[in-house]
Amino acid sequence: MALISVILLESIHTGVRSGVVRVNSQLLIGTCGWDHGHWCGPFYDPDLPTDWRLTYYANLLRAVLVPELTGVKVDATLAASWLEDTDEGFKFVIEISAELVDLLPQRPVSLNRWLEGIRLLAGQVAAVLVRPSPASRSPGPAALEQFCNALSPVPVCVEPSDHPGGRGVCGVVWYPSKQVAPTVGDYLVALSDVGDPKALRQLIEWFIEQNLVGAALFMTDRTRGFEHAQQARLIAEMLGV
């Protein structure tokens, strides 16, 4: 968790209780992916080349969840291109499947390439999010522990049902519109399909109240996700996060 710094929110002028919120200077906010063709016009300039989208995105939003289809393909070449397109303050949360976690004990070549890419991205990887495999199989406890150790200090976040329990073991992924707030994990990645400003403010206020090592909020609406993320970023800035 050495990548995460500690900040003190000394005063929130909107009635939110002041306190220590251990986040990486701000709540990470973004969308699920950035390379969406249907965002051309509403978000991206119609004349913007497709290979400039990440740079454009990174100038407006400061974090992104890399979907599993791309997340499992991370290697040194892909990582180098992302580093070229973003600044060191931009953060990636990489989504992978449980199958990749379970490969760690065997350490096949494909996993070595993936780990090399993650290490090259270094401080720009805020967390790795592990989803159950297509067969709904969760990562094995032993493999998960080994995976967390291999990626340390990068937090590894899992579904609440897959979390081994307690704090400081690994992080958790949370769906605010479908699940109650988790009580385990020091790092929290929230995936929200709600873009209502009032609901977003309540969610961000909830984050402020928590004693977390770090947190990220990604908007999942494929059509309006960028609007929701920009709205959430504005609310967070107004609240001092």
Protein backbone atom coordinates (compact mmCIF):
# COMPACT_ATOMS: atom_id res chain seq x y z
CA MET A 1 0.00 0.00 0.00
CA ALA A 2 3.03 2.31 -0.20
CA LEU A 3 1.60 3.88 -3.35
CA ILE A 4 -1.16 5.43 -1.29
CA SER A 5 -0.62 8.62 0.66
CA VAL A 6 -2.50 10.00 3.65
CA ILE A 7 -4.33 13.31 3.60
CA LEU A 8 -6.26 15.22 6.21
CA LEU A 9 -9.52 16.85 5.23
CA GLU A 10 -9.56 19.73 7.73
CA SER A 11 -12.86 21.23 6.75
CA ILE A 12 -15.77 20.34 4.50
CA HIS A 13 -18.09 23.30 4.09
CA THR A 14 -21.12 21.28 3.05
CA GLY A 15 -21.88 19.59 6.33
CA VAL A 16 -19.79 16.47 5.76
CA ARG A 17 -17.96 15.39 8.90
CA SER A 18 -14.26 16.26 8.75
CA GLY A 19 -11.78 13.48 9.36
CA VAL A 20 -8.87 11.46 8.11
CA VAL A 21 -9.52 9.97 4.70
CA ARG A 22 -6.62 7.86 3.53
CA VAL A 23 -6.94 8.25 -0.21
CA ASN A 24 -4.44 9.07 -2.90
CA SER A 25 -4.94 12.87 -2.59
CA GLN A 26 -8.29 12.48 -4.32
CA LEU A 27 -10.96 9.93 -4.98
CA LEU A 28 -10.14 8.38 -8.35
CA ILE A 29 -13.04 8.92 -10.74
CA GLY A 30 -13.44 7.75 -14.31
CA THR A 31 -15.26 5.42 -16.67
CA CYS A 32 -15.05 1.79 -17.74
CA GLY A 33 -12.77 2.03 -20.73
CA TRP A 34 -12.09 5.01 -22.97
CA ASP A 35 -12.01 3.62 -26.50
CA HIS A 36 -15.72 3.84 -27.28
CA GLY A 37 -16.60 4.74 -30.86
CA HIS A 38 -20.09 5.99 -29.93
CA TRP A 39 -18.47 8.66 -27.72
CA CYS A 40 -17.22 10.33 -30.89
CA GLY A 41 -19.18 13.58 -31.02
CA PRO A 42 -20.66 13.69 -27.50
CA PHE A 43 -17.22 13.35 -25.85
CA TYR A 44 -14.45 13.06 -28.42
CA ASP A 45 -14.01 15.54 -31.25
CA PRO A 46 -15.28 13.85 -34.44
CA ASP A 47 -11.95 14.58 -36.14
CA LEU A 48 -9.84 13.16 -33.29
CA PRO A 49 -7.71 10.17 -34.42
CA THR A 50 -8.59 7.01 -32.53
CA ASP A 51 -5.04 6.61 -31.20
CA TRP A 52 -5.32 10.02 -29.52
CA ARG A 53 -8.36 9.09 -27.47
CA LEU A 54 -6.49 8.05 -24.33
CA THR A 55 -4.52 11.31 -24.24
CA TYR A 56 -7.72 13.31 -24.72
CA TYR A 57 -9.51 11.28 -22.05
CA ALA A 58 -6.62 11.68 -19.58
CA ASN A 59 -6.81 15.46 -19.88
CA LEU A 60 -10.44 15.45 -18.72
CA LEU A 61 -10.67 12.47 -16.37
CA ARG A 62 -7.81 11.24 -14.23
CA ALA A 63 -8.48 7.51 -13.94
CA VAL A 64 -9.89 4.67 -16.00
CA LEU A 65 -10.97 1.09 -15.44
CA VAL A 66 -9.34 -1.03 -18.13
CA PRO A 67 -11.92 -3.73 -19.02
CA GLU A 68 -10.97 -7.38 -18.74
CA LEU A 69 -10.69 -7.96 -22.50
CA THR A 70 -7.85 -5.43 -22.59
CA GLY A 71 -6.67 -5.88 -19.01
CA VAL A 72 -5.55 -9.48 -19.54
CA LYS A 73 -3.50 -8.40 -22.59
CA VAL A 74 -1.29 -5.94 -20.73
CA ASP A 75 2.37 -6.42 -21.60
CA ALA A 76 5.45 -4.23 -21.91
CA THR A 77 4.47 -2.96 -25.38
CA LEU A 78 0.95 -1.96 -24.38
CA ALA A 79 2.16 -0.46 -21.11
CA ALA A 80 4.76 1.64 -22.94
CA SER A 81 2.10 3.07 -25.26
CA TRP A 82 -0.13 3.99 -22.31
CA LEU A 83 2.79 5.66 -20.55
CA GLU A 84 3.46 7.70 -23.67
CA ASP A 85 -0.19 8.80 -23.90
CA THR A 86 -0.64 9.80 -20.24
CA ASP A 87 1.16 11.70 -17.50
CA GLU A 88 2.37 10.10 -14.28
CA GLY A 89 -0.61 11.41 -12.32
CA PHE A 90 -3.10 9.45 -14.43
CA LYS A 91 -4.20 6.14 -12.88
CA PHE A 92 -5.25 2.79 -14.31
CA VAL A 93 -7.31 0.13 -12.55
CA ILE A 94 -6.73 -3.10 -14.46
CA GLU A 95 -9.54 -5.66 -14.64
CA ILE A 96 -8.67 -9.34 -15.08
CA SER A 97 -10.38 -12.70 -14.64
CA ALA A 98 -9.88 -15.22 -11.85
CA GLU A 99 -8.31 -17.56 -14.39
CA LEU A 100 -5.28 -15.30 -14.65
CA VAL A 101 -4.89 -15.31 -10.86
CA ASP A 102 -4.95 -19.10 -10.77
CA LEU A 103 -2.13 -19.21 -13.33
CA LEU A 104 0.33 -17.66 -10.88
CA PRO A 105 1.56 -20.91 -9.26
CA GLN A 106 2.50 -22.25 -12.72
CA ARG A 107 3.86 -18.86 -13.93
CA PRO A 108 3.28 -19.46 -17.66
CA VAL A 109 4.92 -17.15 -20.16
CA SER A 110 1.67 -15.22 -20.69
CA LEU A 111 1.46 -14.31 -17.01
CA ASN A 112 5.11 -13.27 -16.90
CA ARG A 113 4.45 -10.89 -19.79
CA TRP A 114 1.43 -9.49 -17.94
CA LEU A 115 3.39 -8.94 -14.73
CA GLU A 116 6.14 -7.21 -16.73
CA GLY A 117 3.58 -4.79 -18.16
CA ILE A 118 2.13 -4.03 -14.72
CA ARG A 119 5.59 -3.37 -13.30
CA LEU A 120 6.41 -1.06 -16.21
CA LEU A 121 3.29 1.00 -15.48
CA ALA A 122 4.53 1.17 -11.87
CA GLY A 123 2.86 3.96 -9.89
CA GLN A 124 0.17 4.53 -12.52
CA VAL A 125 -1.56 1.26 -11.61
CA ALA A 126 -3.87 2.18 -8.74
CA ALA A 127 -5.33 -1.32 -8.33
CA VAL A 128 -6.06 -4.62 -10.05
CA LEU A 129 -9.67 -5.82 -10.07
CA VAL A 130 -10.31 -9.58 -10.20
CA ARG A 131 -13.61 -10.81 -11.63
CA PRO A 132 -14.91 -14.40 -11.46
CA SER A 133 -14.11 -16.39 -14.57
CA PRO A 134 -16.76 -16.90 -17.30
CA ALA A 135 -17.65 -20.17 -15.58
CA SER A 136 -18.39 -18.12 -12.41
CA ARG A 137 -15.40 -19.66 -10.72
CA SER A 138 -13.79 -17.48 -8.07
CA PRO A 139 -10.03 -17.34 -7.50
CA GLY A 140 -8.70 -19.96 -5.11
CA PRO A 141 -7.69 -18.59 -1.67
CA ALA A 142 -4.09 -19.77 -1.94
CA ALA A 143 -3.68 -18.41 -5.46
CA LEU A 144 -5.31 -15.12 -4.45
CA GLU A 145 -2.92 -14.66 -1.53
CA GLN A 146 0.06 -15.41 -3.75
CA PHE A 147 -1.26 -13.01 -6.39
CA CYS A 148 -1.70 -10.22 -3.82
CA ASN A 149 1.86 -10.76 -2.61
CA ALA A 150 3.21 -10.72 -6.16
CA LEU A 151 1.54 -7.40 -6.95
CA SER A 152 2.21 -5.67 -3.62
CA PRO A 153 2.04 -2.73 -3.03
CA VAL A 154 -0.63 -2.53 -5.76
CA PRO A 155 -4.01 -3.41 -4.17
CA VAL A 156 -5.91 -6.39 -5.57
CA CYS A 157 -9.71 -6.03 -5.36
CA VAL A 158 -12.17 -8.93 -5.48
CA GLU A 159 -15.91 -9.50 -5.24
CA PRO A 160 -17.21 -9.22 -1.63
CA SER A 161 -18.06 -12.94 -1.62
CA ASP A 162 -14.46 -13.79 -2.59
CA HIS A 163 -12.82 -11.56 0.01
CA PRO A 164 -10.95 -13.52 2.71
CA GLY A 165 -12.22 -11.10 5.34
CA GLY A 166 -10.64 -8.43 7.48
CA ARG A 167 -8.68 -5.34 6.61
CA GLY A 168 -5.31 -5.18 4.96
CA VAL A 169 -5.67 -8.49 3.10
CA CYS A 170 -6.93 -7.23 -0.24
CA GLY A 171 -9.44 -4.73 -1.56
CA VAL A 172 -13.00 -5.16 -2.72
CA VAL A 173 -15.16 -4.22 -5.70
CA TRP A 174 -18.58 -2.79 -4.89
CA TYR A 175 -21.77 -2.15 -6.90
CA PRO A 176 -23.53 0.64 -4.94
CA SER A 177 -26.90 0.29 -6.69
CA LYS A 178 -27.03 -3.48 -6.09
CA GLN A 179 -25.14 -4.20 -2.87
CA VAL A 180 -24.87 -2.90 0.67
CA ALA A 181 -21.61 -1.17 1.51
CA PRO A 182 -18.78 -3.63 2.15
CA THR A 183 -17.19 -3.92 5.58
CA VAL A 184 -13.94 -5.56 4.47
CA GLY A 185 -10.97 -4.40 2.49
CA ASP A 186 -8.76 -1.32 2.72
CA TYR A 187 -9.06 -0.39 -0.96
CA LEU A 188 -12.46 -0.02 -2.60
CA VAL A 189 -13.39 0.12 -6.28
CA ALA A 190 -17.02 1.14 -6.80
CA LEU A 191 -18.77 0.50 -10.13
CA SER A 192 -21.86 2.67 -10.39
CA ASP A 193 -24.56 2.86 -13.05
CA VAL A 194 -26.23 5.83 -11.34
CA GLY A 195 -25.58 9.32 -12.67
CA ASP A 196 -28.08 11.33 -10.63
CA PRO A 197 -26.17 14.24 -9.00
CA LYS A 198 -27.87 13.78 -5.62
CA ALA A 199 -27.05 10.07 -5.57
CA LEU A 200 -23.47 10.80 -6.64
CA ARG A 201 -23.04 13.33 -3.86
CA GLN A 202 -24.34 10.87 -1.27
CA LEU A 203 -21.95 8.23 -2.57
CA ILE A 204 -18.95 10.56 -2.50
CA GLU A 205 -19.87 11.75 0.99
CA TRP A 206 -19.94 8.11 2.04
CA PHE A 207 -16.41 7.65 0.68
CA ILE A 208 -15.22 10.68 2.65
CA GLU A 209 -16.51 9.11 5.86
CA GLN A 210 -14.56 5.88 5.39
CA ASN A 211 -11.09 5.02 6.66
CA LEU A 212 -9.78 3.61 3.39
CA VAL A 213 -6.27 3.25 2.07
CA GLY A 214 -7.63 4.29 -1.32
CA ALA A 215 -10.77 4.33 -3.43
CA ALA A 216 -11.95 4.61 -7.01
CA LEU A 217 -15.36 5.30 -8.53
CA PHE A 218 -16.05 4.25 -12.11
CA MET A 219 -19.24 5.03 -13.99
CA THR A 220 -20.51 2.07 -15.99
CA ASP A 221 -23.19 3.56 -18.26
CA ARG A 222 -21.85 2.89 -21.75
CA THR A 223 -23.68 5.85 -23.29
CA ARG A 224 -23.42 8.56 -20.64
CA GLY A 225 -20.62 7.28 -18.45
CA PHE A 226 -18.32 10.17 -19.34
CA GLU A 227 -21.04 12.68 -18.34
CA HIS A 228 -21.60 10.91 -15.03
CA ALA A 229 -17.86 10.78 -14.34
CA GLN A 230 -17.39 14.48 -15.06
CA GLN A 231 -20.34 15.28 -12.79
CA ALA A 232 -18.90 13.09 -10.04
CA ARG A 233 -15.48 14.75 -10.41
CA LEU A 234 -17.06 18.19 -10.04
CA ILE A 235 -18.97 17.12 -6.92
CA ALA A 236 -15.84 15.59 -5.41
CA GLU A 237 -13.87 18.79 -6.01
CA MET A 238 -16.63 20.83 -4.37
CA LEU A 239 -16.40 18.53 -1.34
CA GLY A 240 -12.66 18.97 -1.16
CA VAL A 241 -11.67 15.47 -2.25
